[in-house]
C-alpha atoms as a PDB file:
ATOM      1  CA  UNK A   1     -97.396 -40.035   4.797  1.00  0.00           C
ATOM      2  CA  UNK A   2     -97.547 -41.147   1.094  1.00  0.00           C
ATOM      3  CA  UNK A   3     -94.946 -43.338  -0.567  1.00  0.00           C
ATOM      4  CA  UNK A   4     -93.520 -41.745  -3.618  1.00  0.00           C
ATOM      5  CA  UNK A   5     -92.629 -44.423  -6.195  1.00  0.00           C
ATOM      6  CA  UNK A   6     -90.310 -43.118  -8.842  1.00  0.00           C
ATOM      7  CA  UNK A   7     -91.296 -44.611 -12.335  1.00  0.00           C
ATOM      8  CA  UNK A   8     -88.545 -45.477 -14.685  1.00  0.00           C
ATOM      9  CA  UNK A   9     -89.202 -42.222 -16.745  1.00  0.00           C
ATOM     10  CA  UNK A  10     -88.514 -40.347 -13.730  1.00  0.00           C
ATOM     11  CA  UNK A  11     -85.398 -42.229 -12.809  1.00  0.00           C
ATOM     12  CA  UNK A  12     -84.036 -41.801 -16.807  1.00  0.00           C
ATOM     13  CA  UNK A  13     -84.545 -38.181 -16.579  1.00  0.00           C
ATOM     14  CA  UNK A  14     -82.681 -37.819 -13.247  1.00  0.00           C
ATOM     15  CA  UNK A  15     -80.013 -40.146 -14.465  1.00  0.00           C
ATOM     16  CA  UNK A  16     -79.678 -37.954 -17.526  1.00  0.00           C
ATOM     17  CA  UNK A  17     -79.163 -34.866 -15.427  1.00  0.00           C
ATOM     18  CA  UNK A  18     -76.347 -36.864 -13.642  1.00  0.00           C
ATOM     19  CA  UNK A  19     -74.644 -37.467 -16.633  1.00  0.00           C
ATOM     20  CA  UNK A  20     -75.016 -34.152 -18.206  1.00  0.00           C
ATOM     21  CA  UNK A  21     -73.605 -32.857 -14.875  1.00  0.00           C
ATOM     22  CA  UNK A  22     -70.507 -34.779 -15.308  1.00  0.00           C
ATOM     23  CA  UNK A  23     -70.057 -33.609 -18.537  1.00  0.00           C
ATOM     24  CA  UNK A  24     -70.723 -30.199 -17.792  1.00  0.00           C
ATOM     25  CA  UNK A  25     -67.973 -30.323 -15.053  1.00  0.00           C
ATOM     26  CA  UNK A  26     -65.446 -32.090 -17.183  1.00  0.00           C
ATOM     27  CA  UNK A  27     -65.705 -35.480 -15.577  1.00  0.00           C
ATOM     28  CA  UNK A  28     -65.488 -37.630 -18.929  1.00  0.00           C
ATOM     29  CA  UNK A  29     -64.455 -40.699 -17.388  1.00  0.00           C
ATOM     30  CA  UNK A  30     -67.426 -40.682 -14.729  1.00  0.00           C
ATOM     31  CA  UNK A  31     -70.000 -39.580 -17.910  1.00  0.00           C
ATOM     32  CA  UNK A  32     -68.628 -42.761 -19.698  1.00  0.00           C
ATOM     33  CA  UNK A  33     -69.386 -44.869 -16.772  1.00  0.00           C
ATOM     34  CA  UNK A  34     -72.801 -43.384 -16.664  1.00  0.00           C
ATOM     35  CA  UNK A  35     -73.353 -44.117 -20.452  1.00  0.00           C
ATOM     36  CA  UNK A  36     -72.080 -47.917 -19.741  1.00  0.00           C
ATOM     37  CA  UNK A  37     -74.704 -48.255 -17.184  1.00  0.00           C
ATOM     38  CA  UNK A  38     -77.445 -47.049 -19.326  1.00  0.00           C
ATOM     39  CA  UNK A  39     -76.104 -49.350 -22.040  1.00  0.00           C
ATOM     40  CA  UNK A  40     -76.520 -52.051 -19.656  1.00  0.00           C
ATOM     41  CA  UNK A  41     -79.977 -51.152 -18.371  1.00  0.00           C
ATOM     42  CA  UNK A  42     -80.994 -50.687 -22.172  1.00  0.00           C
ATOM     43  CA  UNK A  43     -79.725 -54.245 -23.133  1.00  0.00           C
ATOM     44  CA  UNK A  44     -80.906 -56.176 -20.095  1.00  0.00           C
ATOM     45  CA  UNK A  45     -83.836 -53.979 -18.596  1.00  0.00           C
ATOM     46  CA  UNK A  46     -87.328 -54.413 -18.645  1.00  0.00           C
ATOM     47  CA  UNK A  47     -89.518 -53.032 -21.343  1.00  0.00           C
ATOM     48  CA  UNK A  48     -90.398 -50.017 -19.435  1.00  0.00           C
ATOM     49  CA  UNK A  49     -86.762 -49.570 -18.704  1.00  0.00           C
ATOM     50  CA  UNK A  50     -85.427 -50.048 -22.416  1.00  0.00           C
ATOM     51  CA  UNK A  51     -88.424 -47.408 -23.289  1.00  0.00           C
ATOM     52  CA  UNK A  52     -87.347 -44.871 -20.694  1.00  0.00           C
ATOM     53  CA  UNK A  53     -83.480 -45.147 -21.583  1.00  0.00           C
ATOM     54  CA  UNK A  54     -84.424 -44.966 -25.429  1.00  0.00           C
ATOM     55  CA  UNK A  55     -86.568 -42.209 -25.224  1.00  0.00           C
ATOM     56  CA  UNK A  56     -85.652 -40.159 -22.569  1.00  0.00           C
ATOM     57  CA  UNK A  57     -82.140 -40.670 -21.510  1.00  0.00           C
ATOM     58  CA  UNK A  58     -80.552 -40.942 -25.224  1.00  0.00           C
ATOM     59  CA  UNK A  59     -82.393 -38.090 -26.387  1.00  0.00           C
ATOM     60  CA  UNK A  60     -81.511 -35.859 -23.373  1.00  0.00           C
ATOM     61  CA  UNK A  61     -77.971 -36.484 -23.384  1.00  0.00           C
ATOM     62  CA  UNK A  62     -77.506 -36.505 -26.887  1.00  0.00           C
ATOM     63  CA  UNK A  63     -79.393 -33.132 -27.372  1.00  0.00           C
ATOM     64  CA  UNK A  64     -77.099 -31.614 -24.575  1.00  0.00           C
ATOM     65  CA  UNK A  65     -73.881 -32.975 -26.002  1.00  0.00           C
ATOM     66  CA  UNK A  66     -74.741 -31.564 -29.535  1.00  0.00           C
ATOM     67  CA  UNK A  67     -75.457 -28.171 -28.095  1.00  0.00           C
ATOM     68  CA  UNK A  68     -72.109 -28.204 -26.115  1.00  0.00           C
ATOM     69  CA  UNK A  69     -70.248 -29.678 -29.523  1.00  0.00           C
ATOM     70  CA  UNK A  70     -69.328 -32.999 -27.886  1.00  0.00           C
ATOM     71  CA  UNK A  71     -69.023 -35.983 -30.369  1.00  0.00           C
ATOM     72  CA  UNK A  72     -71.624 -38.243 -29.321  1.00  0.00           C
ATOM     73  CA  UNK A  73     -70.236 -41.110 -31.391  1.00  0.00           C
ATOM     74  CA  UNK A  74     -67.173 -41.123 -29.362  1.00  0.00           C
ATOM     75  CA  UNK A  75     -68.645 -41.228 -26.141  1.00  0.00           C
ATOM     76  CA  UNK A  76     -72.047 -43.443 -26.673  1.00  0.00           C
ATOM     77  CA  UNK A  77     -71.560 -47.078 -26.227  1.00  0.00           C
ATOM     78  CA  UNK A  78     -72.811 -49.399 -29.327  1.00  0.00           C
ATOM     79  CA  UNK A  79     -76.548 -50.181 -28.509  1.00  0.00           C
ATOM     80  CA  UNK A  80     -76.911 -46.535 -27.193  1.00  0.00           C
ATOM     81  CA  UNK A  81     -75.272 -45.102 -30.428  1.00  0.00           C
ATOM     82  CA  UNK A  82     -77.526 -47.656 -32.510  1.00  0.00           C
ATOM     83  CA  UNK A  83     -80.716 -46.068 -30.816  1.00  0.00           C
ATOM     84  CA  UNK A  84     -79.348 -42.367 -31.059  1.00  0.00           C
ATOM     85  CA  UNK A  85     -79.260 -43.138 -34.827  1.00  0.00           C
ATOM     86  CA  UNK A  86     -82.421 -44.508 -35.362  1.00  0.00           C
ATOM     87  CA  UNK A  87     -83.941 -41.460 -33.457  1.00  0.00           C
ATOM     88  CA  UNK A  88     -81.810 -39.295 -35.726  1.00  0.00           C
ATOM     89  CA  UNK A  89     -83.325 -41.180 -38.838  1.00  0.00           C
ATOM     90  CA  UNK A  90     -86.803 -41.260 -37.553  1.00  0.00           C
ATOM     91  CA  UNK A  91     -86.707 -37.246 -37.264  1.00  0.00           C
ATOM     92  CA  UNK A  92     -85.771 -36.788 -40.975  1.00  0.00           C
ATOM     93  CA  UNK A  93     -82.782 -34.698 -39.871  1.00  0.00           C
END
């Protein structure tokens, strides 16, 4: 049997899905904890982890929140908020 190694990108997708499920179900405190963990990973993780959190997690969760009319600025911790703003500015929106 082969061992399946999950890359940082796959884990970021899964973590984003967990965070979005918390928001969808109204568990805002739990979603905030997920965002705080993502912030910790973003600030202290390896380059691969930082890229996965910045490019996959932040994009996925922020897009989901915008569609559901949630205020990204109120939930995102400072570093993730900064990454979100840089993504918005880079897109030219």
